[in-house]
Amino acid sequence: QVQLVESGGGLVQAGGSLRLSCAASGRTFSSYDLGWFRQAPGKEREFLTAIRWSGERTYYAGSVKGRFAISRDNAKNTVYLQMGSLKPEDTAVYYCVGGLGFGRTWPRSSADEYEYWGQGTQVTVSS
């Protein structure tokens, strides 16, 4: 069982940067593929990025590739989402997700591929 808790959301101006963190409980953190999704009001949940349990592979949605970066620190049981060149359309609730990595295909960009979800953190980008 893994519990995920996001932090770092807030209000930022367009063009600015923000780093989200997601702290995980559990001793098997390093066994999990991790990722980030977001959901804006009235819109479908959107996959953003994922990182393999080993940290050796990452995968990005086209909408954020080159602007966002995912990383993980297994010693701290934390995954990060560094966001740059933010736009008003990046405004959404951002969710950290996790799923056991061993034996699973890659990349994993579907919501139903992840067993664990955080509660979400609001990011608002003003124009």
Protein backbone atom coordinates (compact mmCIF):
# COMPACT_ATOMS: atom_id res chain seq x y z
CA GLN A 1 0.00 0.00 0.00
CA VAL A 2 1.29 3.43 -0.92
CA GLN A 3 -0.08 6.80 0.09
CA LEU A 4 0.80 9.82 -2.01
CA VAL A 5 0.66 13.42 -0.81
CA GLU A 6 1.26 16.30 -3.21
CA SER A 7 2.51 19.74 -2.27
CA GLY A 8 3.85 22.85 -3.93
CA GLY A 9 0.81 24.03 -5.82
CA GLY A 10 -0.24 27.65 -5.86
CA LEU A 11 -0.69 30.76 -7.93
CA VAL A 12 1.96 31.73 -10.48
CA GLN A 13 2.12 34.21 -13.33
CA ALA A 14 2.27 33.09 -16.93
CA GLY A 15 5.84 32.35 -17.95
CA GLY A 16 6.78 31.43 -14.41
CA SER A 17 7.91 28.19 -12.83
CA LEU A 18 6.67 25.94 -10.07
CA ARG A 19 7.87 22.67 -8.58
CA LEU A 20 5.44 20.12 -7.26
CA SER A 21 6.47 17.43 -4.84
CA CYS A 22 4.80 14.16 -4.03
CA ALA A 23 5.81 12.34 -0.87
CA ALA A 24 5.04 8.65 -0.66
CA SER A 25 4.66 6.38 2.31
CA GLY A 26 5.72 2.76 2.21
CA ARG A 27 8.97 0.87 2.02
CA THR A 28 8.62 -0.21 -1.59
CA PHE A 29 8.65 3.24 -3.17
CA SER A 30 11.53 2.30 -5.46
CA SER A 31 9.40 -0.47 -6.97
CA TYR A 32 6.81 1.91 -8.32
CA ASP A 33 6.46 3.69 -11.61
CA LEU A 34 5.31 7.22 -10.80
CA GLY A 35 3.58 9.89 -12.78
CA TRP A 36 1.55 13.06 -12.88
CA PHE A 37 -1.90 13.78 -14.27
CA ARG A 38 -3.97 16.94 -14.18
CA GLN A 39 -7.59 17.87 -14.51
CA ALA A 40 -8.94 21.28 -15.37
CA PRO A 41 -12.56 22.27 -14.67
CA GLY A 42 -14.89 20.78 -17.23
CA LYS A 43 -12.11 18.81 -18.91
CA GLU A 44 -10.96 15.20 -19.01
CA ARG A 45 -8.16 14.02 -16.81
CA GLU A 46 -4.90 14.42 -18.72
CA PHE A 47 -1.71 12.42 -18.50
CA LEU A 48 1.42 14.56 -18.21
CA THR A 49 4.49 12.48 -17.49
CA ALA A 50 5.79 9.31 -15.90
CA ILE A 51 9.08 7.95 -14.60
CA ARG A 52 10.09 4.31 -14.43
CA TRP A 53 10.66 2.63 -11.08
CA SER A 54 14.40 2.56 -11.86
CA GLY A 55 14.45 6.24 -12.77
CA GLU A 56 16.07 5.35 -16.09
CA ARG A 57 13.12 6.14 -18.29
CA THR A 58 10.76 9.06 -18.50
CA TYR A 59 7.84 9.78 -20.78
CA TYR A 60 6.03 13.05 -21.52
CA ALA A 61 2.81 14.12 -23.12
CA GLY A 62 3.31 16.41 -26.07
CA SER A 63 1.57 19.28 -24.31
CA VAL A 64 4.28 19.51 -21.64
CA LYS A 65 7.37 18.05 -23.29
CA GLY A 66 10.20 20.52 -23.04
CA ARG A 67 8.45 22.57 -20.35
CA PHE A 68 7.95 20.05 -17.54
CA ALA A 69 10.43 17.61 -16.03
CA ILE A 70 9.79 14.65 -13.76
CA SER A 71 12.37 13.30 -11.35
CA ARG A 72 12.46 11.07 -8.31
CA ASP A 73 14.53 10.69 -5.20
CA ASN A 74 14.09 7.18 -3.89
CA ALA A 75 16.05 7.98 -0.73
CA LYS A 76 13.42 10.59 0.13
CA ASN A 77 10.43 8.64 -1.24
CA THR A 78 9.57 11.69 -3.31
CA VAL A 79 8.75 12.41 -6.93
CA TYR A 80 8.93 15.90 -8.36
CA LEU A 81 7.37 17.79 -11.22
CA GLN A 82 9.33 20.84 -12.29
CA MET A 83 7.11 23.06 -14.41
CA GLY A 84 8.37 25.95 -16.51
CA SER A 85 7.06 28.40 -19.09
CA LEU A 86 3.67 28.05 -17.48
CA LYS A 87 0.57 29.09 -19.37
CA PRO A 88 -2.95 29.91 -18.18
CA GLU A 89 -4.10 26.66 -19.79
CA ASP A 90 -1.88 24.77 -17.35
CA THR A 91 -4.32 25.74 -14.60
CA ALA A 92 -5.65 22.52 -13.11
CA VAL A 93 -5.56 20.18 -10.15
CA TYR A 94 -2.39 18.12 -10.41
CA TYR A 95 -2.32 14.53 -9.23
CA CYS A 96 0.59 12.30 -8.38
CA VAL A 97 0.11 8.62 -9.28
CA GLY A 98 1.93 5.38 -8.64
CA GLY A 99 1.82 1.80 -9.79
CA LEU A 100 4.00 -1.24 -9.31
CA GLY A 101 6.64 -1.24 -12.02
CA PHE A 102 8.02 -4.76 -12.24
CA GLY A 103 6.74 -6.65 -15.25
CA ARG A 104 4.61 -3.79 -16.48
CA THR A 105 4.77 -2.33 -19.95
CA TRP A 106 6.20 1.09 -20.62
CA PRO A 107 5.23 3.81 -21.10
CA ARG A 108 2.20 3.99 -18.86
CA SER A 109 -0.01 6.92 -19.75
CA SER A 110 -3.48 5.65 -18.95
CA ALA A 111 -5.13 6.54 -15.66
CA ASP A 112 -6.29 2.98 -15.05
CA GLU A 113 -2.67 1.75 -15.15
CA TYR A 114 -1.97 3.41 -11.80
CA GLU A 115 -3.26 1.94 -8.55
CA TYR A 116 -2.49 4.85 -6.27
CA TRP A 117 -3.49 8.49 -6.48
CA GLY A 118 -2.78 11.52 -4.36
CA GLN A 119 -5.47 13.97 -3.32
CA GLY A 120 -4.30 16.60 -5.79
CA THR A 121 -2.84 20.08 -5.56
CA GLN A 122 -4.20 23.17 -7.28
CA VAL A 123 -2.03 25.07 -9.74
CA THR A 124 -3.35 28.37 -11.04
CA VAL A 125 -1.53 30.30 -13.75
CA SER A 126 -2.59 33.91 -14.17
CA SER A 127 -2.27 35.77 -17.46
